[in-house]
Amino acid sequence: MKRPTHCATAALAAAVAALLFSSGCNHSGTDRGSGDEGDDPDALVFASVPSQESTNLQQSYQPILEMLAEETGQEIRFMNATDYDAIIRGLRDGEIDIAAVGPFSYVLAKWQGAQITVVAAQVEEKGEQPGYRSYGFALAGSPIKTLADFRSKTVCFVDPNSASGYLYPSAGLEPVFKLSTFMADSQVPDPPGS
């Protein structure tokens, strides 16, 4: 199996410790939700949350998709989910067989009744122990240089069901720094005093 390039794994920064989940792959009689004519109804559906342009995301998972097809003898169909909640619902409803998501989405899916099992954790180098990372970004020229500089600022998080894009950083920052927050797909709030 070809190893993904450093660029491909770096592009998945929000899912550095992404876990692969298997839902048992029993989907007979389930509406697979495919809109494509000619799709094999018995294909296994592999889903990931969009962290980059759809074609590039599928390409970054291509070595895994090929390995899964070889190991299972089945076609693997890639699905670029709209958000974490779509993957959680898909796992729960049997529309997704394998998913690459973070630990928080795994817990939410289990709580909602998804019959899933952790089968792998993504690492950047062979033999490396899985870890977890979350990044904070500020505009160039911003006075924000350290975590303490976030105090009383408005911070945008990516998705309320994202471990690295909301849960962990907000749990650590909000109580201490009294942040005002919003989600990336919502409207940017007006600055204080406007």
C-alpha atoms as a PDB file:
ATOM      1  CA  MET A   1       0.000   0.000   0.000  1.00  0.00           C
ATOM      2  CA  LYS A   2       1.319   3.451  -0.864  1.00  0.00           C
ATOM      3  CA  ARG A   3       1.626   5.716   2.160  1.00  0.00           C
ATOM      4  CA  PRO A   4      -0.242   9.046   1.882  1.00  0.00           C
ATOM      5  CA  THR A   5       2.005  12.053   1.348  1.00  0.00           C
ATOM      6  CA  HIS A   6       2.752  14.445   4.188  1.00  0.00           C
ATOM      7  CA  CYS A   7       0.606  17.030   2.374  1.00  0.00           C
ATOM      8  CA  ALA A   8      -2.391  14.713   2.364  1.00  0.00           C
ATOM      9  CA  THR A   9      -2.136  13.970   6.066  1.00  0.00           C
ATOM     10  CA  ALA A  10      -1.453  17.597   6.934  1.00  0.00           C
ATOM     11  CA  ALA A  11      -4.590  18.597   5.050  1.00  0.00           C
ATOM     12  CA  LEU A  12      -6.504  16.517   7.542  1.00  0.00           C
ATOM     13  CA  ALA A  13      -5.240  18.591  10.491  1.00  0.00           C
ATOM     14  CA  ALA A  14      -8.680  18.720  12.072  1.00  0.00           C
ATOM     15  CA  ALA A  15      -8.638  14.924  12.064  1.00  0.00           C
ATOM     16  CA  VAL A  16      -5.018  14.201  12.954  1.00  0.00           C
ATOM     17  CA  ALA A  17      -6.164  11.489  15.313  1.00  0.00           C
ATOM     18  CA  ALA A  18      -9.158  10.547  13.197  1.00  0.00           C
ATOM     19  CA  LEU A  19     -10.525   7.184  14.008  1.00  0.00           C
ATOM     20  CA  LEU A  20     -11.845   4.758  11.445  1.00  0.00           C
ATOM     21  CA  PHE A  21     -15.107   3.161  12.435  1.00  0.00           C
ATOM     22  CA  SER A  22     -16.772   0.113  11.011  1.00  0.00           C
ATOM     23  CA  SER A  23     -20.513  -0.278  11.373  1.00  0.00           C
ATOM     24  CA  GLY A  24     -20.609  -4.000  10.772  1.00  0.00           C
ATOM     25  CA  CYS A  25     -21.129  -3.634   7.014  1.00  0.00           C
ATOM     26  CA  ASN A  26     -24.548  -5.242   7.105  1.00  0.00           C
ATOM     27  CA  HIS A  27     -26.736  -3.052   4.948  1.00  0.00           C
ATOM     28  CA  SER A  28     -29.055  -5.389   3.106  1.00  0.00           C
ATOM     29  CA  GLY A  29     -32.372  -3.701   2.542  1.00  0.00           C
ATOM     30  CA  THR A  30     -31.030  -0.308   3.594  1.00  0.00           C
ATOM     31  CA  ASP A  31     -31.511   2.707   1.353  1.00  0.00           C
ATOM     32  CA  ARG A  32     -27.893   3.596   0.685  1.00  0.00           C
ATOM     33  CA  GLY A  33     -28.801   7.098  -0.397  1.00  0.00           C
ATOM     34  CA  SER A  34     -26.808   6.928  -3.621  1.00  0.00           C
ATOM     35  CA  GLY A  35     -27.853   9.367  -6.265  1.00  0.00           C
ATOM     36  CA  ASP A  36     -25.565   7.842  -8.867  1.00  0.00           C
ATOM     37  CA  GLU A  37     -26.932   5.426 -11.423  1.00  0.00           C
ATOM     38  CA  GLY A  38     -24.826   2.317 -11.759  1.00  0.00           C
ATOM     39  CA  ASP A  39     -23.495   2.379  -8.187  1.00  0.00           C
ATOM     40  CA  ASP A  40     -23.142  -1.092  -6.732  1.00  0.00           C
ATOM     41  CA  PRO A  41     -25.786  -1.338  -3.968  1.00  0.00           C
ATOM     42  CA  ASP A  42     -23.476  -3.771  -2.143  1.00  0.00           C
ATOM     43  CA  ALA A  43     -20.515  -1.376  -2.181  1.00  0.00           C
ATOM     44  CA  LEU A  44     -19.182  -0.373   1.217  1.00  0.00           C
ATOM     45  CA  VAL A  45     -19.548   3.341   1.889  1.00  0.00           C
ATOM     46  CA  PHE A  46     -16.512   5.119   3.362  1.00  0.00           C
ATOM     47  CA  ALA A  47     -17.294   8.619   4.652  1.00  0.00           C
ATOM     48  CA  SER A  48     -15.235  11.551   5.790  1.00  0.00           C
ATOM     49  CA  VAL A  49     -16.024  15.076   6.864  1.00  0.00           C
ATOM     50  CA  PRO A  50     -14.967  17.739   4.377  1.00  0.00           C
ATOM     51  CA  SER A  51     -11.724  19.340   5.489  1.00  0.00           C
ATOM     52  CA  GLN A  52     -10.685  20.269   1.973  1.00  0.00           C
ATOM     53  CA  GLU A  53     -12.048  20.275  -1.576  1.00  0.00           C
ATOM     54  CA  SER A  54     -13.951  17.031  -2.197  1.00  0.00           C
ATOM     55  CA  THR A  55     -11.717  15.617  -4.952  1.00  0.00           C
ATOM     56  CA  ASN A  56      -8.553  16.223  -2.921  1.00  0.00           C
ATOM     57  CA  LEU A  57     -10.113  14.673   0.179  1.00  0.00           C
ATOM     58  CA  GLN A  58     -10.982  11.494  -1.702  1.00  0.00           C
ATOM     59  CA  GLN A  59      -7.475  11.414  -3.176  1.00  0.00           C
ATOM     60  CA  SER A  60      -5.944  11.720   0.297  1.00  0.00           C
ATOM     61  CA  TYR A  61      -7.895   8.618   1.378  1.00  0.00           C
ATOM     62  CA  GLN A  62      -7.224   6.702  -1.852  1.00  0.00           C
ATOM     63  CA  PRO A  63      -4.554   4.380  -0.365  1.00  0.00           C
ATOM     64  CA  ILE A  64      -6.961   3.432   2.431  1.00  0.00           C
ATOM     65  CA  LEU A  65      -9.851   2.942  -0.013  1.00  0.00           C
ATOM     66  CA  GLU A  66      -7.685   0.687  -2.186  1.00  0.00           C
ATOM     67  CA  MET A  67      -6.503  -1.329   0.830  1.00  0.00           C
ATOM     68  CA  LEU A  68     -10.095  -1.772   2.040  1.00  0.00           C
ATOM     69  CA  ALA A  69     -11.239  -2.917  -1.430  1.00  0.00           C
ATOM     70  CA  GLU A  70      -8.382  -5.414  -1.620  1.00  0.00           C
ATOM     71  CA  GLU A  71      -8.967  -6.751   1.910  1.00  0.00           C
ATOM     72  CA  THR A  72     -12.769  -7.002   1.641  1.00  0.00           C
ATOM     73  CA  GLY A  73     -13.103  -7.898  -2.038  1.00  0.00           C
ATOM     74  CA  GLN A  74     -15.848  -5.267  -2.281  1.00  0.00           C
ATOM     75  CA  GLU A  75     -16.152  -1.947  -4.044  1.00  0.00           C
ATOM     76  CA  ILE A  76     -15.544   0.973  -1.678  1.00  0.00           C
ATOM     77  CA  ARG A  77     -17.555   4.100  -2.460  1.00  0.00           C
ATOM     78  CA  PHE A  78     -16.244   7.382  -1.001  1.00  0.00           C
ATOM     79  CA  MET A  79     -18.782   9.791   0.469  1.00  0.00           C
ATOM     80  CA  ASN A  80     -17.783  13.342   1.382  1.00  0.00           C
ATOM     81  CA  ALA A  81     -20.227  14.131   4.178  1.00  0.00           C
ATOM     82  CA  THR A  82     -21.526  17.662   4.681  1.00  0.00           C
ATOM     83  CA  ASP A  83     -20.666  17.751   8.403  1.00  0.00           C
ATOM     84  CA  TYR A  84     -20.045  15.552  11.436  1.00  0.00           C
ATOM     85  CA  ASP A  85     -23.752  15.171  12.159  1.00  0.00           C
ATOM     86  CA  ALA A  86     -24.328  13.698   8.682  1.00  0.00           C
ATOM     87  CA  ILE A  87     -21.743  10.986   9.399  1.00  0.00           C
ATOM     88  CA  ILE A  88     -23.229  10.266  12.821  1.00  0.00           C
ATOM     89  CA  ARG A  89     -26.716   9.883  11.281  1.00  0.00           C
ATOM     90  CA  GLY A  90     -25.317   7.791   8.406  1.00  0.00           C
ATOM     91  CA  LEU A  91     -23.543   5.418  10.807  1.00  0.00           C
ATOM     92  CA  ARG A  92     -26.631   5.139  12.989  1.00  0.00           C
ATOM     93  CA  ASP A  93     -28.980   4.568  10.040  1.00  0.00           C
ATOM     94  CA  GLY A  94     -26.739   2.042   8.257  1.00  0.00           C
ATOM     95  CA  GLU A  95     -26.056   4.286   5.253  1.00  0.00           C
ATOM     96  CA  ILE A  96     -22.321   4.505   6.038  1.00  0.00           C
ATOM     97  CA  ASP A  97     -20.176   1.432   6.646  1.00  0.00           C
ATOM     98  CA  ILE A  98     -16.798   2.965   7.472  1.00  0.00           C
ATOM     99  CA  ALA A  99     -16.047   6.516   8.613  1.00  0.00           C
ATOM    100  CA  ALA A 100     -13.033   8.631   9.474  1.00  0.00           C
ATOM    101  CA  VAL A 101     -14.023  10.914  12.330  1.00  0.00           C
ATOM    102  CA  GLY A 102     -12.709  12.090  15.676  1.00  0.00           C
ATOM    103  CA  PRO A 103     -13.383  10.740  19.139  1.00  0.00           C
ATOM    104  CA  PHE A 104     -16.265  13.079  19.971  1.00  0.00           C
ATOM    105  CA  SER A 105     -18.225  12.024  16.886  1.00  0.00           C
ATOM    106  CA  TYR A 106     -17.603   8.403  17.857  1.00  0.00           C
ATOM    107  CA  VAL A 107     -19.097   8.992  21.313  1.00  0.00           C
ATOM    108  CA  LEU A 108     -22.086  10.862  19.857  1.00  0.00           C
ATOM    109  CA  ALA A 109     -22.699   8.101  17.299  1.00  0.00           C
ATOM    110  CA  LYS A 110     -22.575   5.414  20.009  1.00  0.00           C
ATOM    111  CA  TRP A 111     -24.965   7.436  22.212  1.00  0.00           C
ATOM    112  CA  GLN A 112     -27.365   7.643  19.263  1.00  0.00           C
ATOM    113  CA  GLY A 113     -27.334   3.877  18.775  1.00  0.00           C
ATOM    114  CA  ALA A 114     -24.779   3.396  15.985  1.00  0.00           C
ATOM    115  CA  GLN A 115     -23.422  -0.150  16.010  1.00  0.00           C
ATOM    116  CA  ILE A 116     -19.788   0.795  15.343  1.00  0.00           C
ATOM    117  CA  THR A 117     -16.358  -0.460  16.335  1.00  0.00           C
ATOM    118  CA  VAL A 118     -13.057   1.418  16.309  1.00  0.00           C
ATOM    119  CA  VAL A 119     -10.724  -0.430  13.929  1.00  0.00           C
ATOM    120  CA  ALA A 120      -7.856   2.026  13.403  1.00  0.00           C
ATOM    121  CA  ALA A 121      -6.373   5.384  14.332  1.00  0.00           C
ATOM    122  CA  GLN A 122      -4.680   7.622  11.791  1.00  0.00           C
ATOM    123  CA  VAL A 123      -1.008   8.474  12.297  1.00  0.00           C
ATOM    124  CA  GLU A 124       1.415  10.404  10.119  1.00  0.00           C
ATOM    125  CA  GLU A 125       4.323   7.947  10.351  1.00  0.00           C
ATOM    126  CA  LYS A 126       4.360   4.146  10.493  1.00  0.00           C
ATOM    127  CA  GLY A 127       4.782   2.945  14.094  1.00  0.00           C
ATOM    128  CA  GLU A 128       3.830   6.315  15.560  1.00  0.00           C
ATOM    129  CA  GLN A 129       1.423   6.378  18.514  1.00  0.00           C
ATOM    130  CA  PRO A 130      -1.896   8.123  17.818  1.00  0.00           C
ATOM    131  CA  GLY A 131      -2.130  11.569  19.327  1.00  0.00           C
ATOM    132  CA  TYR A 132      -4.351  14.583  19.242  1.00  0.00           C
ATOM    133  CA  ARG A 133      -3.878  18.165  18.171  1.00  0.00           C
ATOM    134  CA  SER A 134      -6.003  21.225  17.721  1.00  0.00           C
ATOM    135  CA  TYR A 135      -4.880  24.486  16.131  1.00  0.00           C
ATOM    136  CA  GLY A 136      -5.815  28.109  16.729  1.00  0.00           C
ATOM    137  CA  PHE A 137      -5.272  30.689  14.001  1.00  0.00           C
ATOM    138  CA  ALA A 138      -5.270  34.486  14.073  1.00  0.00           C
ATOM    139  CA  LEU A 139      -4.947  36.928  11.198  1.00  0.00           C
ATOM    140  CA  ALA A 140      -1.459  38.069  10.252  1.00  0.00           C
ATOM    141  CA  GLY A 141      -0.696  41.274  12.116  1.00  0.00           C
ATOM    142  CA  SER A 142      -3.184  40.403  14.876  1.00  0.00           C
ATOM    143  CA  PRO A 143      -2.167  41.199  18.454  1.00  0.00           C
ATOM    144  CA  ILE A 144      -2.991  37.564  19.327  1.00  0.00           C
ATOM    145  CA  LYS A 145       0.327  35.758  19.800  1.00  0.00           C
ATOM    146  CA  THR A 146      -0.445  33.355  22.704  1.00  0.00           C
ATOM    147  CA  LEU A 147      -3.473  31.513  24.063  1.00  0.00           C
ATOM    148  CA  ALA A 148      -3.810  34.171  26.770  1.00  0.00           C
ATOM    149  CA  ASP A 149      -4.299  36.791  24.042  1.00  0.00           C
ATOM    150  CA  PHE A 150      -7.642  35.155  23.179  1.00  0.00           C
ATOM    151  CA  ARG A 151      -9.128  36.531  26.442  1.00  0.00           C
ATOM    152  CA  SER A 152     -12.482  38.267  25.787  1.00  0.00           C
ATOM    153  CA  LYS A 153     -12.162  37.810  22.022  1.00  0.00           C
ATOM    154  CA  THR A 154     -14.686  36.421  19.555  1.00  0.00           C
ATOM    155  CA  VAL A 155     -13.542  33.026  18.300  1.00  0.00           C
ATOM    156  CA  CYS A 156     -14.899  31.024  15.361  1.00  0.00           C
ATOM    157  CA  PHE A 157     -15.069  27.238  15.745  1.00  0.00           C
ATOM    158  CA  VAL A 158     -15.642  24.862  12.834  1.00  0.00           C
ATOM    159  CA  ASP A 159     -18.432  22.525  13.939  1.00  0.00           C
ATOM    160  CA  PRO A 160     -20.185  21.865  17.268  1.00  0.00           C
ATOM    161  CA  ASN A 161     -19.613  18.111  16.764  1.00  0.00           C
ATOM    162  CA  SER A 162     -15.870  18.462  16.114  1.00  0.00           C
ATOM    163  CA  ALA A 163     -13.504  17.406  18.896  1.00  0.00           C
ATOM    164  CA  SER A 164     -10.487  19.387  17.682  1.00  0.00           C
ATOM    165  CA  GLY A 165     -12.542  22.112  16.001  1.00  0.00           C
ATOM    166  CA  TYR A 166     -14.750  22.873  19.018  1.00  0.00           C
ATOM    167  CA  LEU A 167     -15.033  20.525  21.995  1.00  0.00           C
ATOM    168  CA  TYR A 168     -11.449  20.430  23.272  1.00  0.00           C
ATOM    169  CA  PRO A 169     -10.430  24.013  22.547  1.00  0.00           C
ATOM    170  CA  SER A 170     -13.689  25.500  23.840  1.00  0.00           C
ATOM    171  CA  ALA A 171     -13.555  23.387  27.016  1.00  0.00           C
ATOM    172  CA  GLY A 172     -10.070  24.691  27.699  1.00  0.00           C
ATOM    173  CA  LEU A 173     -10.490  28.281  26.551  1.00  0.00           C
ATOM    174  CA  GLU A 174     -14.076  29.430  27.204  1.00  0.00           C
ATOM    175  CA  PRO A 175     -14.141  29.119  31.031  1.00  0.00           C
ATOM    176  CA  VAL A 176     -10.731  30.757  31.454  1.00  0.00           C
ATOM    177  CA  PHE A 177     -10.777  33.398  28.737  1.00  0.00           C
ATOM    178  CA  LYS A 178     -14.508  34.249  28.607  1.00  0.00           C
ATOM    179  CA  LEU A 179     -14.719  33.956  24.834  1.00  0.00           C
ATOM    180  CA  SER A 180     -17.577  34.934  22.596  1.00  0.00           C
ATOM    181  CA  THR A 181     -17.964  32.101  20.082  1.00  0.00           C
ATOM    182  CA  PHE A 182     -19.755  31.217  16.867  1.00  0.00           C
ATOM    183  CA  MET A 183     -19.600  28.417  14.302  1.00  0.00           C
ATOM    184  CA  ALA A 184     -17.955  28.760  10.878  1.00  0.00           C
ATOM    185  CA  ASP A 185     -21.193  28.172   8.979  1.00  0.00           C
ATOM    186  CA  SER A 186     -23.110  30.799  10.965  1.00  0.00           C
ATOM    187  CA  GLN A 187     -23.228  34.547  10.532  1.00  0.00           C
ATOM    188  CA  VAL A 188     -20.268  36.441  11.977  1.00  0.00           C
ATOM    189  CA  PRO A 189     -21.433  38.388  15.040  1.00  0.00           C
ATOM    190  CA  ASP A 190     -21.182  42.174  15.136  1.00  0.00           C
ATOM    191  CA  PRO A 191     -18.186  43.457  17.092  1.00  0.00           C
ATOM    192  CA  PRO A 192     -18.946  44.638  20.651  1.00  0.00           C
ATOM    193  CA  GLY A 193     -20.157  48.235  20.781  1.00  0.00           C
ATOM    194  CA  SER A 194     -21.378  48.332  17.196  1.00  0.00           C
END
